[in-house]
């Protein structure tokens, strides 16, 4: 910076210090009063603002309460309408279920009748097949018995002829 224009000595500095010390509380008191007045004014303004804000908030809350009440009424009517719809849908489902139950019962009866008739038919077929197979087995068994007895006779005759031939050949 530069050099000071005037040099102050110790004595002058002490005088200035005592002067400032002497008048400082007075100056500070004025500043305090000014600050206090400023603060009081500010506090009053803040209180007024808070009061007006409170009034605005109260009116807004009242308006919100009215809105909520109207919304509540609207929602109640909507719920009632929905409940009525659900009741009608429930009734429709009940009638549909009764109709379906009746259909299934008739289908079950029809299927039971078909099954019984098929069972009777298969029983008849099985009996006729069994009778046919029994007859076939009897004829096959009779034929096998005939063949077996024929083979026995043939073998018996064959052995006797062999024995006779061997006996004759032994004599000669």
Protein backbone atom coordinates (compact mmCIF):
# COMPACT_ATOMS: atom_id res chain seq x y z
CA UNK A 1 0.00 0.00 0.00
CA UNK A 2 2.00 2.96 0.64
CA UNK A 3 3.23 5.04 3.43
CA UNK A 4 0.82 6.83 5.75
CA UNK A 5 0.40 10.53 5.16
CA UNK A 6 0.50 11.37 8.86
CA UNK A 7 2.22 9.46 11.55
CA UNK A 8 0.37 9.20 14.81
CA UNK A 9 2.29 8.94 17.98
CA UNK A 10 1.67 7.00 21.14
CA UNK A 11 0.14 9.91 22.92
CA UNK A 12 -2.42 10.58 20.21
CA UNK A 13 -3.27 6.92 20.00
CA UNK A 14 -3.95 6.86 23.75
CA UNK A 15 -6.18 9.92 23.41
CA UNK A 16 -8.10 8.28 20.58
CA UNK A 17 -8.38 5.07 22.62
CA UNK A 18 -9.76 6.86 25.67
CA UNK A 19 -12.16 8.84 23.50
CA UNK A 20 -13.45 5.64 21.86
CA UNK A 21 -13.70 3.90 25.24
CA UNK A 22 -15.61 6.82 26.64
CA UNK A 23 -18.12 7.09 23.81
CA UNK A 24 -18.33 3.43 22.79
CA UNK A 25 -21.14 2.46 25.19
CA UNK A 26 -23.13 5.45 23.98
CA UNK A 27 -22.60 4.52 20.36
CA UNK A 28 -23.36 0.92 21.07
CA UNK A 29 -26.50 1.88 22.96
CA UNK A 30 -27.75 3.80 19.94
CA UNK A 31 -26.93 0.88 17.68
CA UNK A 32 -28.70 -1.45 20.08
CA UNK A 33 -31.78 0.70 20.16
CA UNK A 34 -31.80 0.91 16.41
CA UNK A 35 -31.34 -2.85 16.18
CA UNK A 36 -34.01 -3.49 18.79
CA UNK A 37 -36.45 -1.24 16.93
CA UNK A 38 -35.54 -3.00 13.71
CA UNK A 39 -36.06 -6.37 15.37
CA UNK A 40 -39.38 -5.31 16.91
CA UNK A 41 -40.57 -4.09 13.52
CA UNK A 42 -39.47 -7.33 11.92
CA UNK A 43 -41.18 -9.39 14.65
CA UNK A 44 -44.41 -7.43 14.13
CA UNK A 45 -44.21 -7.99 10.36
CA UNK A 46 -43.51 -11.70 10.86
CA UNK A 47 -46.45 -12.01 13.28
CA UNK A 48 -48.74 -10.26 10.79
CA UNK A 49 -47.52 -12.55 8.01
CA UNK A 50 -48.03 -15.61 10.20
CA UNK A 51 -51.53 -14.42 11.05
CA UNK A 52 -52.39 -13.92 7.39
CA UNK A 53 -50.81 -17.28 6.53
CA UNK A 54 -52.86 -18.94 9.28
CA UNK A 55 -56.03 -17.40 7.85
CA UNK A 56 -55.11 -18.55 4.34
CA UNK A 57 -54.31 -22.04 5.63
CA UNK A 58 -57.60 -22.22 7.50
CA UNK A 59 -59.54 -21.27 4.38
CA UNK A 60 -57.57 -23.78 2.30
CA UNK A 61 -58.10 -26.52 4.88
CA UNK A 62 -61.80 -25.73 4.94
CA UNK A 63 -61.86 -25.96 1.13
CA UNK A 64 -59.94 -29.24 1.30
CA UNK A 65 -62.37 -30.60 3.86
CA UNK A 66 -65.26 -29.73 1.55
CA UNK A 67 -63.45 -31.40 -1.36
CA UNK A 68 -62.80 -34.51 0.71
CA UNK A 69 -66.43 -34.65 1.74
CA UNK A 70 -67.61 -34.39 -1.86
CA UNK A 71 -65.04 -36.99 -2.90
CA UNK A 72 -66.22 -39.22 -0.06
CA UNK A 73 -69.82 -38.91 -1.23
CA UNK A 74 -68.78 -39.55 -4.82
CA UNK A 75 -66.75 -42.61 -3.84
CA UNK A 76 -69.63 -43.96 -1.73
CA UNK A 77 -72.00 -43.68 -4.68
CA UNK A 78 -69.42 -45.36 -6.93
CA UNK A 79 -68.97 -48.18 -4.40
CA UNK A 80 -72.70 -48.65 -4.13
CA UNK A 81 -73.00 -48.81 -7.91
CA UNK A 82 -70.11 -51.29 -8.06
CA UNK A 83 -71.72 -53.41 -5.33
CA UNK A 84 -74.97 -53.50 -7.29
CA UNK A 85 -73.06 -54.57 -10.41
CA UNK A 86 -71.26 -57.27 -8.47
CA UNK A 87 -74.57 -58.51 -7.06
CA UNK A 88 -76.03 -58.78 -10.55
CA UNK A 89 -72.87 -60.53 -11.76
CA UNK A 90 -73.10 -62.94 -8.81
CA UNK A 91 -76.70 -63.71 -9.72
CA UNK A 92 -75.68 -64.34 -13.34
CA UNK A 93 -72.92 -66.67 -12.21
CA UNK A 94 -75.28 -68.53 -9.93
CA UNK A 95 -77.78 -69.08 -12.74
CA UNK A 96 -74.95 -70.10 -15.06
CA UNK A 97 -73.66 -72.51 -12.46
CA UNK A 98 -77.11 -74.02 -12.00
CA UNK A 99 -77.46 -74.39 -15.77
CA UNK A 100 -74.01 -75.92 -16.01
CA UNK A 101 -74.80 -78.29 -13.14
CA UNK A 102 -77.95 -79.41 -14.91
CA UNK A 103 -76.06 -79.84 -18.19
CA UNK A 104 -73.36 -81.86 -16.47
CA UNK A 105 -75.95 -84.01 -14.76
CA UNK A 106 -77.71 -84.76 -18.05
CA UNK A 107 -74.36 -85.38 -19.74
CA UNK A 108 -73.39 -87.69 -16.90
CA UNK A 109 -76.68 -89.57 -17.20
CA UNK A 110 -76.25 -89.86 -20.98
CA UNK A 111 -72.69 -91.08 -20.54
CA UNK A 112 -73.80 -93.57 -17.89
CA UNK A 113 -76.50 -94.90 -20.21
CA UNK A 114 -74.01 -95.15 -23.08
CA UNK A 115 -71.52 -96.87 -20.85
CA UNK A 116 -74.13 -99.34 -19.63
CA UNK A 117 -75.25 -100.11 -23.17
CA UNK A 118 -71.62 -100.47 -24.26
CA UNK A 119 -71.00 -102.68 -21.26
CA UNK A 120 -73.98 -104.88 -22.18
CA UNK A 121 -72.82 -105.03 -25.80
CA UNK A 122 -69.27 -105.90 -24.82
CA UNK A 123 -70.56 -108.48 -22.35
CA UNK A 124 -72.65 -110.06 -25.11
CA UNK A 125 -69.75 -109.94 -27.53
CA UNK A 126 -67.42 -111.39 -24.95
CA UNK A 127 -69.87 -114.20 -24.16
CA UNK A 128 -70.37 -114.98 -27.84
CA UNK A 129 -66.59 -114.84 -28.37
CA UNK A 130 -66.05 -117.08 -25.38
CA UNK A 131 -68.61 -119.57 -26.67
CA UNK A 132 -66.97 -119.49 -30.10
CA UNK A 133 -63.53 -119.97 -28.57
CA UNK A 134 -64.82 -122.79 -26.37
CA UNK A 135 -66.23 -124.54 -29.42
CA UNK A 136 -62.99 -124.03 -31.32
CA UNK A 137 -60.93 -125.34 -28.44
CA UNK A 138 -63.23 -128.38 -28.19
CA UNK A 139 -62.88 -129.11 -31.90
CA UNK A 140 -59.14 -128.52 -31.79
CA UNK A 141 -58.87 -130.76 -28.72
CA UNK A 142 -60.92 -133.45 -30.43
CA UNK A 143 -58.74 -133.21 -33.54
CA UNK A 144 -55.60 -133.31 -31.38
CA UNK A 145 -56.97 -136.33 -29.49
CA UNK A 146 -57.67 -138.07 -32.81
CA UNK A 147 -54.22 -137.31 -34.14
CA UNK A 148 -52.57 -138.38 -30.92
CA UNK A 149 -54.43 -141.68 -30.88
CA UNK A 150 -53.61 -142.15 -34.58
CA UNK A 151 -49.95 -141.51 -33.90
CA UNK A 152 -50.07 -143.91 -30.95
CA UNK A 153 -51.58 -146.59 -33.11
CA UNK A 154 -49.12 -145.95 -35.89
CA UNK A 155 -46.18 -146.10 -33.52
CA UNK A 156 -47.57 -149.21 -31.86
CA UNK A 157 -48.06 -150.91 -35.26
CA UNK A 158 -44.64 -149.66 -36.38
CA UNK A 159 -42.93 -151.10 -33.28
CA UNK A 160 -44.75 -154.41 -33.62
CA UNK A 161 -43.81 -154.68 -37.26
CA UNK A 162 -40.21 -153.85 -36.39
CA UNK A 163 -40.20 -156.37 -33.61
CA UNK A 164 -41.72 -158.99 -35.91
CA UNK A 165 -39.24 -158.21 -38.65
CA UNK A 166 -36.34 -158.36 -36.23
CA UNK A 167 -37.60 -161.61 -34.84
CA UNK A 168 -37.94 -163.05 -38.35
CA UNK A 169 -34.56 -161.83 -39.33
CA UNK A 170 -33.06 -163.41 -36.26
CA UNK A 171 -34.44 -166.80 -37.25
CA UNK A 172 -33.01 -166.69 -40.65
